[in-house]
Amino acid sequence: MILTYLVRNAEARLKDILAEDKVGIILGARQVGKTTLVERVLAGKGAVFLNFDIELDKARFLAAAALAPARDCARSATRRSW
């Protein structure tokens, strides 16, 4: 079976959001390509991808949310690694 990626309008919108250093949350029905969209847009960017269907990812998010804000949040968020 050959899988074909369908380019979506949401891809350009997500790229715009990420270019502005904003947080993007992707919501939608099951099996519509949310994960594929995000993985494609973030490929090779060294970004942290959290999938809240995965318990470890939820725990990482909650742990990060409990931290005090850094002085320069934008710079520190891009340097944080899990």
C-alpha atoms as a PDB file:
ATOM      1  CA  MET A   1       0.000   0.000   0.000  1.00  0.00           C
ATOM      2  CA  ILE A   2       1.353   3.435  -0.942  1.00  0.00           C
ATOM      3  CA  LEU A   3       0.575   6.244   1.490  1.00  0.00           C
ATOM      4  CA  THR A   4       0.252   9.739   0.076  1.00  0.00           C
ATOM      5  CA  TYR A   5       0.495  12.872   2.192  1.00  0.00           C
ATOM      6  CA  LEU A   6      -2.225  15.395   1.400  1.00  0.00           C
ATOM      7  CA  VAL A   7      -1.074  18.991   1.812  1.00  0.00           C
ATOM      8  CA  ARG A   8      -3.580  20.839   3.981  1.00  0.00           C
ATOM      9  CA  ASN A   9      -4.367  24.514   4.534  1.00  0.00           C
ATOM     10  CA  ALA A  10      -3.601  23.844   8.195  1.00  0.00           C
ATOM     11  CA  GLU A  11       0.057  23.214   7.302  1.00  0.00           C
ATOM     12  CA  ALA A  12       0.611  26.840   6.261  1.00  0.00           C
ATOM     13  CA  ARG A  13      -1.298  28.105   9.309  1.00  0.00           C
ATOM     14  CA  LEU A  14       0.757  25.950  11.672  1.00  0.00           C
ATOM     15  CA  LYS A  15       3.993  27.202  10.070  1.00  0.00           C
ATOM     16  CA  ASP A  16       2.778  30.791  10.592  1.00  0.00           C
ATOM     17  CA  ILE A  17       2.009  30.124  14.268  1.00  0.00           C
ATOM     18  CA  LEU A  18       5.398  28.539  14.858  1.00  0.00           C
ATOM     19  CA  ALA A  19       7.211  31.379  13.055  1.00  0.00           C
ATOM     20  CA  GLU A  20       5.676  33.792  15.580  1.00  0.00           C
ATOM     21  CA  ASP A  21       6.973  31.751  18.554  1.00  0.00           C
ATOM     22  CA  LYS A  22       3.438  30.881  19.598  1.00  0.00           C
ATOM     23  CA  VAL A  23       2.190  27.644  21.051  1.00  0.00           C
ATOM     24  CA  GLY A  24       0.025  25.638  18.698  1.00  0.00           C
ATOM     25  CA  ILE A  25      -2.556  23.110  19.831  1.00  0.00           C
ATOM     26  CA  ILE A  26      -3.962  20.804  17.206  1.00  0.00           C
ATOM     27  CA  LEU A  27      -7.446  19.493  17.887  1.00  0.00           C
ATOM     28  CA  GLY A  28      -9.665  17.392  15.686  1.00  0.00           C
ATOM     29  CA  ALA A  29     -11.447  14.122  15.138  1.00  0.00           C
ATOM     30  CA  ARG A  30      -9.585  10.827  15.294  1.00  0.00           C
ATOM     31  CA  GLN A  31      -7.615   9.616  12.298  1.00  0.00           C
ATOM     32  CA  VAL A  32      -7.708  12.876  10.294  1.00  0.00           C
ATOM     33  CA  GLY A  33      -3.925  13.407  10.151  1.00  0.00           C
ATOM     34  CA  LYS A  34      -3.169  15.678  13.134  1.00  0.00           C
ATOM     35  CA  THR A  35      -0.026  13.797  14.151  1.00  0.00           C
ATOM     36  CA  THR A  36       1.147  13.441  10.556  1.00  0.00           C
ATOM     37  CA  LEU A  37       0.646  17.178   9.982  1.00  0.00           C
ATOM     38  CA  VAL A  38       2.659  18.167  13.048  1.00  0.00           C
ATOM     39  CA  GLU A  39       5.420  15.634  12.440  1.00  0.00           C
ATOM     40  CA  ARG A  40       5.773  16.850   8.851  1.00  0.00           C
ATOM     41  CA  VAL A  41       5.905  20.547   9.798  1.00  0.00           C
ATOM     42  CA  LEU A  42       8.343  19.968  12.685  1.00  0.00           C
ATOM     43  CA  ALA A  43      10.621  17.515  10.848  1.00  0.00           C
ATOM     44  CA  GLY A  44      14.258  18.544  11.192  1.00  0.00           C
ATOM     45  CA  LYS A  45      13.508  21.552  13.388  1.00  0.00           C
ATOM     46  CA  GLY A  46      14.689  20.108  16.708  1.00  0.00           C
ATOM     47  CA  ALA A  47      11.281  20.820  18.224  1.00  0.00           C
ATOM     48  CA  VAL A  48       9.725  18.977  21.129  1.00  0.00           C
ATOM     49  CA  PHE A  49       6.594  17.112  20.084  1.00  0.00           C
ATOM     50  CA  LEU A  50       4.213  16.017  22.837  1.00  0.00           C
ATOM     51  CA  ASN A  51       1.341  13.653  22.185  1.00  0.00           C
ATOM     52  CA  PHE A  52      -1.110  13.714  25.091  1.00  0.00           C
ATOM     53  CA  ASP A  53      -2.293  10.213  24.187  1.00  0.00           C
ATOM     54  CA  ILE A  54       1.071   9.064  25.555  1.00  0.00           C
ATOM     55  CA  GLU A  55       1.325   9.109  29.357  1.00  0.00           C
ATOM     56  CA  LEU A  56       5.047   9.969  29.392  1.00  0.00           C
ATOM     57  CA  ASP A  57       4.417  13.022  27.195  1.00  0.00           C
ATOM     58  CA  LYS A  58       1.648  14.182  29.543  1.00  0.00           C
ATOM     59  CA  ALA A  59       4.008  13.797  32.499  1.00  0.00           C
ATOM     60  CA  ARG A  60       6.713  15.825  30.687  1.00  0.00           C
ATOM     61  CA  PHE A  61       4.225  18.605  30.005  1.00  0.00           C
ATOM     62  CA  LEU A  62       3.013  18.718  33.596  1.00  0.00           C
ATOM     63  CA  ALA A  63       6.590  18.730  34.902  1.00  0.00           C
ATOM     64  CA  ALA A  64       7.508  21.629  32.619  1.00  0.00           C
ATOM     65  CA  ALA A  65       4.336  23.501  33.583  1.00  0.00           C
ATOM     66  CA  ALA A  66       5.367  23.343  37.250  1.00  0.00           C
ATOM     67  CA  LEU A  67       8.700  25.103  36.584  1.00  0.00           C
ATOM     68  CA  ALA A  68       9.175  28.790  37.312  1.00  0.00           C
ATOM     69  CA  PRO A  69       9.358  30.931  34.147  1.00  0.00           C
ATOM     70  CA  ALA A  70      12.842  31.640  32.838  1.00  0.00           C
ATOM     71  CA  ARG A  71      13.997  35.247  32.462  1.00  0.00           C
ATOM     72  CA  ASP A  72      14.004  34.895  28.699  1.00  0.00           C
ATOM     73  CA  CYS A  73      11.232  32.349  28.120  1.00  0.00           C
ATOM     74  CA  ALA A  74      11.540  32.246  24.324  1.00  0.00           C
ATOM     75  CA  ARG A  75      15.256  31.540  24.394  1.00  0.00           C
ATOM     76  CA  SER A  76      15.073  29.008  27.233  1.00  0.00           C
ATOM     77  CA  ALA A  77      12.154  27.089  25.694  1.00  0.00           C
ATOM     78  CA  THR A  78      14.097  26.439  22.500  1.00  0.00           C
ATOM     79  CA  ARG A  79      17.121  25.165  24.427  1.00  0.00           C
ATOM     80  CA  ARG A  80      15.268  22.799  26.756  1.00  0.00           C
ATOM     81  CA  SER A  81      15.676  19.151  25.921  1.00  0.00           C
ATOM     82  CA  TRP A  82      13.891  16.180  27.370  1.00  0.00           C
END
